Amino acid sequence: MKKSNVVLGVLAGAAIGALVGILFAPDKGTNTRKKLRRKGEDVVDDLKAKAHNLTEKANELTIKASKLMAKVNSSVDHAQVEANDLVETAKKKFSDLKHN
């Protein structure tokens, strides 16, 4: 069995245990429903916050990656120009040597 399946099973068991504990707690039905609703709202709010944070991080990484790619492209273009200049200089020197 994979570790992820074990972890998922443990988490599911904990969630089910908490739900069963709330449902069988000696409290009025209305109070139990309020607790469940609050817990559900808390979970939804937490998930929304985490999704928002992940989206922000993804956007930041996208911007950083774009800037890095621009720098890399600029460096490659510069290196290509330099290499072409060196090739032309070498050709000229070789031609000069050939004719002398």
N, C-alpha and C. Protein backbone atom coordinates (compact mmCIF):
# COMPACT_ATOMS: atom_id res chain seq x y z
N MET A 1 0.85 -1.18 0.00
CA MET A 1 0.00 0.00 0.00
C MET A 1 0.89 1.24 0.00
N LYS A 2 0.53 2.22 -0.81
CA LYS A 2 1.31 3.45 -0.90
C LYS A 2 1.15 4.29 0.36
N LYS A 3 2.21 5.06 0.67
CA LYS A 3 2.16 5.94 1.84
C LYS A 3 1.04 6.96 1.71
N SER A 4 0.83 7.47 0.48
CA SER A 4 -0.21 8.48 0.28
C SER A 4 -1.59 7.92 0.60
N ASN A 5 -1.80 6.64 0.27
CA ASN A 5 -3.09 6.01 0.59
C ASN A 5 -3.26 5.86 2.10
N VAL A 6 -2.18 5.53 2.78
CA VAL A 6 -2.24 5.38 4.24
C VAL A 6 -2.55 6.72 4.88
N VAL A 7 -1.84 7.77 4.43
CA VAL A 7 -2.07 9.11 4.98
C VAL A 7 -3.50 9.55 4.71
N LEU A 8 -3.97 9.32 3.48
CA LEU A 8 -5.34 9.69 3.12
C LEU A 8 -6.34 8.94 4.00
N GLY A 9 -6.08 7.67 4.23
CA GLY A 9 -6.97 6.88 5.09
C GLY A 9 -6.99 7.38 6.52
N VAL A 10 -5.82 7.75 7.04
CA VAL A 10 -5.74 8.28 8.41
C VAL A 10 -6.51 9.60 8.51
N LEU A 11 -6.31 10.48 7.53
CA LEU A 11 -7.02 11.77 7.54
C LEU A 11 -8.53 11.57 7.42
N ALA A 12 -8.94 10.68 6.53
CA ALA A 12 -10.37 10.42 6.38
C ALA A 12 -10.94 9.84 7.67
N GLY A 13 -10.20 8.94 8.29
CA GLY A 13 -10.65 8.37 9.56
C GLY A 13 -10.78 9.41 10.65
N ALA A 14 -9.83 10.33 10.71
CA ALA A 14 -9.88 11.39 11.72
C ALA A 14 -11.09 12.29 11.48
N ALA A 15 -11.35 12.62 10.20
CA ALA A 15 -12.50 13.47 9.88
C ALA A 15 -13.81 12.77 10.23
N ILE A 16 -13.89 11.50 9.90
CA ILE A 16 -15.11 10.74 10.21
C ILE A 16 -15.28 10.62 11.72
N GLY A 17 -14.18 10.39 12.43
CA GLY A 17 -14.24 10.30 13.89
C GLY A 17 -14.72 11.59 14.51
N ALA A 18 -14.23 12.71 14.02
CA ALA A 18 -14.66 14.01 14.54
C ALA A 18 -16.14 14.24 14.27
N LEU A 19 -16.58 13.89 13.07
CA LEU A 19 -17.99 14.05 12.70
C LEU A 19 -18.88 13.17 13.58
N VAL A 20 -18.49 11.93 13.76
CA VAL A 20 -19.27 11.02 14.61
C VAL A 20 -19.30 11.53 16.05
N GLY A 21 -18.17 12.04 16.53
CA GLY A 21 -18.11 12.60 17.88
C GLY A 21 -19.07 13.75 18.06
N ILE A 22 -19.15 14.62 17.07
CA ILE A 22 -20.07 15.76 17.15
C ILE A 22 -21.51 15.28 17.09
N LEU A 23 -21.79 14.33 16.18
CA LEU A 23 -23.16 13.86 16.01
C LEU A 23 -23.68 13.12 17.25
N PHE A 24 -22.82 12.42 17.95
CA PHE A 24 -23.26 11.65 19.11
C PHE A 24 -23.02 12.37 20.43
N ALA A 25 -22.55 13.59 20.37
CA ALA A 25 -22.33 14.36 21.60
C ALA A 25 -23.69 14.69 22.22
N PRO A 26 -23.75 14.71 23.54
CA PRO A 26 -25.03 14.99 24.20
C PRO A 26 -25.37 16.48 24.10
N ASP A 27 -25.90 16.88 22.97
CA ASP A 27 -26.25 18.28 22.73
C ASP A 27 -27.54 18.31 21.92
N LYS A 28 -28.22 19.42 21.92
CA LYS A 28 -29.44 19.56 21.14
C LYS A 28 -29.11 19.47 19.65
N GLY A 29 -30.08 19.04 18.88
CA GLY A 29 -29.90 18.93 17.43
C GLY A 29 -29.55 20.26 16.78
N THR A 30 -30.21 21.33 17.27
CA THR A 30 -29.92 22.64 16.68
C THR A 30 -28.48 23.06 16.96
N ASN A 31 -28.01 22.80 18.18
CA ASN A 31 -26.62 23.14 18.51
C ASN A 31 -25.63 22.32 17.69
N THR A 32 -25.96 21.04 17.53
CA THR A 32 -25.09 20.16 16.74
C THR A 32 -25.02 20.65 15.29
N ARG A 33 -26.17 21.01 14.73
CA ARG A 33 -26.19 21.51 13.35
C ARG A 33 -25.41 22.81 13.23
N LYS A 34 -25.52 23.68 14.24
CA LYS A 34 -24.75 24.94 14.23
C LYS A 34 -23.25 24.65 14.27
N LYS A 35 -22.87 23.69 15.13
CA LYS A 35 -21.45 23.33 15.22
C LYS A 35 -20.94 22.79 13.88
N LEU A 36 -21.75 21.91 13.28
CA LEU A 36 -21.36 21.33 11.99
C LEU A 36 -21.24 22.42 10.92
N ARG A 37 -22.22 23.33 10.91
CA ARG A 37 -22.19 24.42 9.92
C ARG A 37 -20.95 25.28 10.12
N ARG A 38 -20.66 25.63 11.40
CA ARG A 38 -19.47 26.46 11.69
C ARG A 38 -18.19 25.75 11.27
N LYS A 39 -18.11 24.46 11.60
CA LYS A 39 -16.92 23.68 11.21
C LYS A 39 -16.79 23.65 9.69
N GLY A 40 -17.91 23.44 9.02
CA GLY A 40 -17.89 23.42 7.55
C GLY A 40 -17.46 24.75 6.98
N GLU A 41 -17.98 25.84 7.55
CA GLU A 41 -17.60 27.18 7.09
C GLU A 41 -16.11 27.44 7.35
N ASP A 42 -15.64 26.97 8.50
CA ASP A 42 -14.21 27.13 8.81
C ASP A 42 -13.34 26.40 7.79
N VAL A 43 -13.75 25.18 7.46
CA VAL A 43 -12.99 24.40 6.48
C VAL A 43 -13.00 25.09 5.12
N VAL A 44 -14.17 25.57 4.70
CA VAL A 44 -14.28 26.26 3.42
C VAL A 44 -13.42 27.53 3.42
N ASP A 45 -13.50 28.31 4.49
CA ASP A 45 -12.68 29.53 4.58
C ASP A 45 -11.19 29.21 4.53
N ASP A 46 -10.80 28.16 5.23
CA ASP A 46 -9.39 27.75 5.24
C ASP A 46 -8.95 27.33 3.83
N LEU A 47 -9.78 26.55 3.16
CA LEU A 47 -9.45 26.12 1.79
C LEU A 47 -9.37 27.30 0.84
N LYS A 48 -10.29 28.26 0.98
CA LYS A 48 -10.25 29.45 0.13
C LYS A 48 -8.97 30.24 0.36
N ALA A 49 -8.59 30.39 1.62
CA ALA A 49 -7.36 31.13 1.95
C ALA A 49 -6.14 30.42 1.37
N LYS A 50 -6.10 29.10 1.50
CA LYS A 50 -4.97 28.35 0.96
C LYS A 50 -4.94 28.44 -0.57
N ALA A 51 -6.10 28.36 -1.21
CA ALA A 51 -6.15 28.49 -2.66
C ALA A 51 -5.69 29.87 -3.10
N HIS A 52 -6.10 30.90 -2.36
CA HIS A 52 -5.68 32.27 -2.67
C HIS A 52 -4.16 32.40 -2.53
N ASN A 53 -3.61 31.86 -1.45
CA ASN A 53 -2.15 31.91 -1.24
C ASN A 53 -1.41 31.18 -2.35
N LEU A 54 -1.91 30.01 -2.74
CA LEU A 54 -1.28 29.26 -3.82
C LEU A 54 -1.33 30.02 -5.13
N THR A 55 -2.46 30.68 -5.39
CA THR A 55 -2.59 31.48 -6.61
C THR A 55 -1.60 32.63 -6.61
N GLU A 56 -1.47 33.31 -5.47
CA GLU A 56 -0.50 34.41 -5.37
C GLU A 56 0.92 33.91 -5.59
N LYS A 57 1.27 32.80 -4.97
CA LYS A 57 2.62 32.23 -5.13
C LYS A 57 2.86 31.86 -6.59
N ALA A 58 1.85 31.26 -7.23
CA ALA A 58 1.99 30.87 -8.63
C ALA A 58 2.20 32.10 -9.51
N ASN A 59 1.46 33.18 -9.22
CA ASN A 59 1.63 34.41 -9.99
C ASN A 59 3.02 35.00 -9.79
N GLU A 60 3.49 35.00 -8.54
CA GLU A 60 4.84 35.51 -8.26
C GLU A 60 5.90 34.70 -9.00
N LEU A 61 5.74 33.38 -8.97
CA LEU A 61 6.71 32.52 -9.67
C LEU A 61 6.66 32.73 -11.17
N THR A 62 5.47 32.96 -11.71
CA THR A 62 5.33 33.22 -13.14
C THR A 62 6.06 34.50 -13.53
N ILE A 63 5.90 35.54 -12.72
CA ILE A 63 6.57 36.81 -12.98
C ILE A 63 8.09 36.64 -12.90
N LYS A 64 8.55 35.94 -11.86
CA LYS A 64 9.99 35.71 -11.72
C LYS A 64 10.54 34.91 -12.90
N ALA A 65 9.80 33.89 -13.31
CA ALA A 65 10.24 33.05 -14.43
C ALA A 65 10.29 33.87 -15.72
N SER A 66 9.32 34.75 -15.92
CA SER A 66 9.31 35.59 -17.12
C SER A 66 10.51 36.53 -17.14
N LYS A 67 10.81 37.13 -15.99
CA LYS A 67 11.98 38.02 -15.90
C LYS A 67 13.27 37.25 -16.16
N LEU A 68 13.36 36.06 -15.58
CA LEU A 68 14.55 35.24 -15.77
C LEU A 68 14.71 34.84 -17.24
N MET A 69 13.61 34.47 -17.88
CA MET A 69 13.67 34.10 -19.29
C MET A 69 14.10 35.28 -20.15
N ALA A 70 13.64 36.48 -19.81
CA ALA A 70 14.04 37.67 -20.56
C ALA A 70 15.55 37.88 -20.42
N LYS A 71 16.08 37.71 -19.21
CA LYS A 71 17.53 37.85 -19.00
C LYS A 71 18.30 36.79 -19.78
N VAL A 72 17.82 35.56 -19.73
CA VAL A 72 18.49 34.47 -20.44
C VAL A 72 18.48 34.75 -21.94
N ASN A 73 17.33 35.15 -22.47
CA ASN A 73 17.25 35.45 -23.90
C ASN A 73 18.18 36.58 -24.28
N SER A 74 18.26 37.60 -23.45
CA SER A 74 19.15 38.72 -23.71
C SER A 74 20.60 38.26 -23.71
N SER A 75 20.96 37.43 -22.75
CA SER A 75 22.33 36.91 -22.67
C SER A 75 22.66 36.04 -23.88
N VAL A 76 21.72 35.22 -24.29
CA VAL A 76 21.94 34.37 -25.46
C VAL A 76 22.11 35.23 -26.71
N ASP A 77 21.26 36.24 -26.86
CA ASP A 77 21.38 37.14 -28.02
C ASP A 77 22.74 37.83 -28.03
N HIS A 78 23.16 38.31 -26.87
CA HIS A 78 24.46 38.99 -26.76
C HIS A 78 25.59 38.02 -27.11
N ALA A 79 25.53 36.81 -26.59
CA ALA A 79 26.56 35.81 -26.86
C ALA A 79 26.59 35.46 -28.34
N GLN A 80 25.44 35.41 -28.97
CA GLN A 80 25.37 35.09 -30.39
C GLN A 80 26.02 36.20 -31.22
N VAL A 81 25.76 37.45 -30.87
CA VAL A 81 26.38 38.58 -31.57
C VAL A 81 27.89 38.53 -31.39
N GLU A 82 28.34 38.28 -30.16
CA GLU A 82 29.78 38.19 -29.89
C GLU A 82 30.41 37.06 -30.69
N ALA A 83 29.75 35.91 -30.74
CA ALA A 83 30.28 34.77 -31.48
C ALA A 83 30.37 35.08 -32.97
N ASN A 84 29.34 35.73 -33.50
CA ASN A 84 29.36 36.11 -34.92
C ASN A 84 30.50 37.07 -35.20
N ASP A 85 30.72 38.03 -34.31
CA ASP A 85 31.82 38.98 -34.47
C ASP A 85 33.16 38.25 -34.46
N LEU A 86 33.33 37.30 -33.56
CA LEU A 86 34.57 36.53 -33.49
C LEU A 86 34.79 35.72 -34.76
N VAL A 87 33.73 35.11 -35.27
CA VAL A 87 33.84 34.33 -36.50
C VAL A 87 34.26 35.24 -37.66
N GLU A 88 33.64 36.39 -37.76
CA GLU A 88 33.99 37.33 -38.84
C GLU A 88 35.44 37.80 -38.71
N THR A 89 35.87 38.09 -37.49
CA THR A 89 37.25 38.52 -37.26
C THR A 89 38.21 37.40 -37.64
N ALA A 90 37.89 36.18 -37.26
CA ALA A 90 38.75 35.03 -37.59
C ALA A 90 38.80 34.82 -39.10
N LYS A 91 37.67 34.96 -39.79
CA LYS A 91 37.64 34.80 -41.25
C LYS A 91 38.52 35.85 -41.92
N LYS A 92 38.40 37.08 -41.42
CA LYS A 92 39.19 38.18 -42.01
C LYS A 92 40.68 37.92 -41.79
N LYS A 93 41.07 37.53 -40.60
CA LYS A 93 42.49 37.27 -40.31
C LYS A 93 42.99 36.10 -41.14
N PHE A 94 42.19 35.06 -41.27
CA PHE A 94 42.58 33.91 -42.08
C PHE A 94 42.76 34.32 -43.53
N SER A 95 41.82 35.13 -44.02
CA SER A 95 41.92 35.62 -45.40
C SER A 95 43.16 36.47 -45.60
N ASP A 96 43.45 37.34 -44.61
CA ASP A 96 44.65 38.18 -44.69
C ASP A 96 45.91 37.32 -44.71
N LEU A 97 45.96 36.30 -43.90
CA LEU A 97 47.12 35.41 -43.86
C LEU A 97 47.26 34.63 -45.17
N LYS A 98 46.15 34.26 -45.73
CA LYS A 98 46.14 33.49 -46.96
C LYS A 98 46.69 34.31 -48.12
N HIS A 99 46.38 35.60 -48.13
CA HIS A 99 46.80 36.47 -49.23
C HIS A 99 48.20 37.02 -49.02
N ASN A 100 48.76 36.90 -47.88
CA ASN A 100 50.12 37.42 -47.63
C ASN A 100 51.14 36.37 -47.82
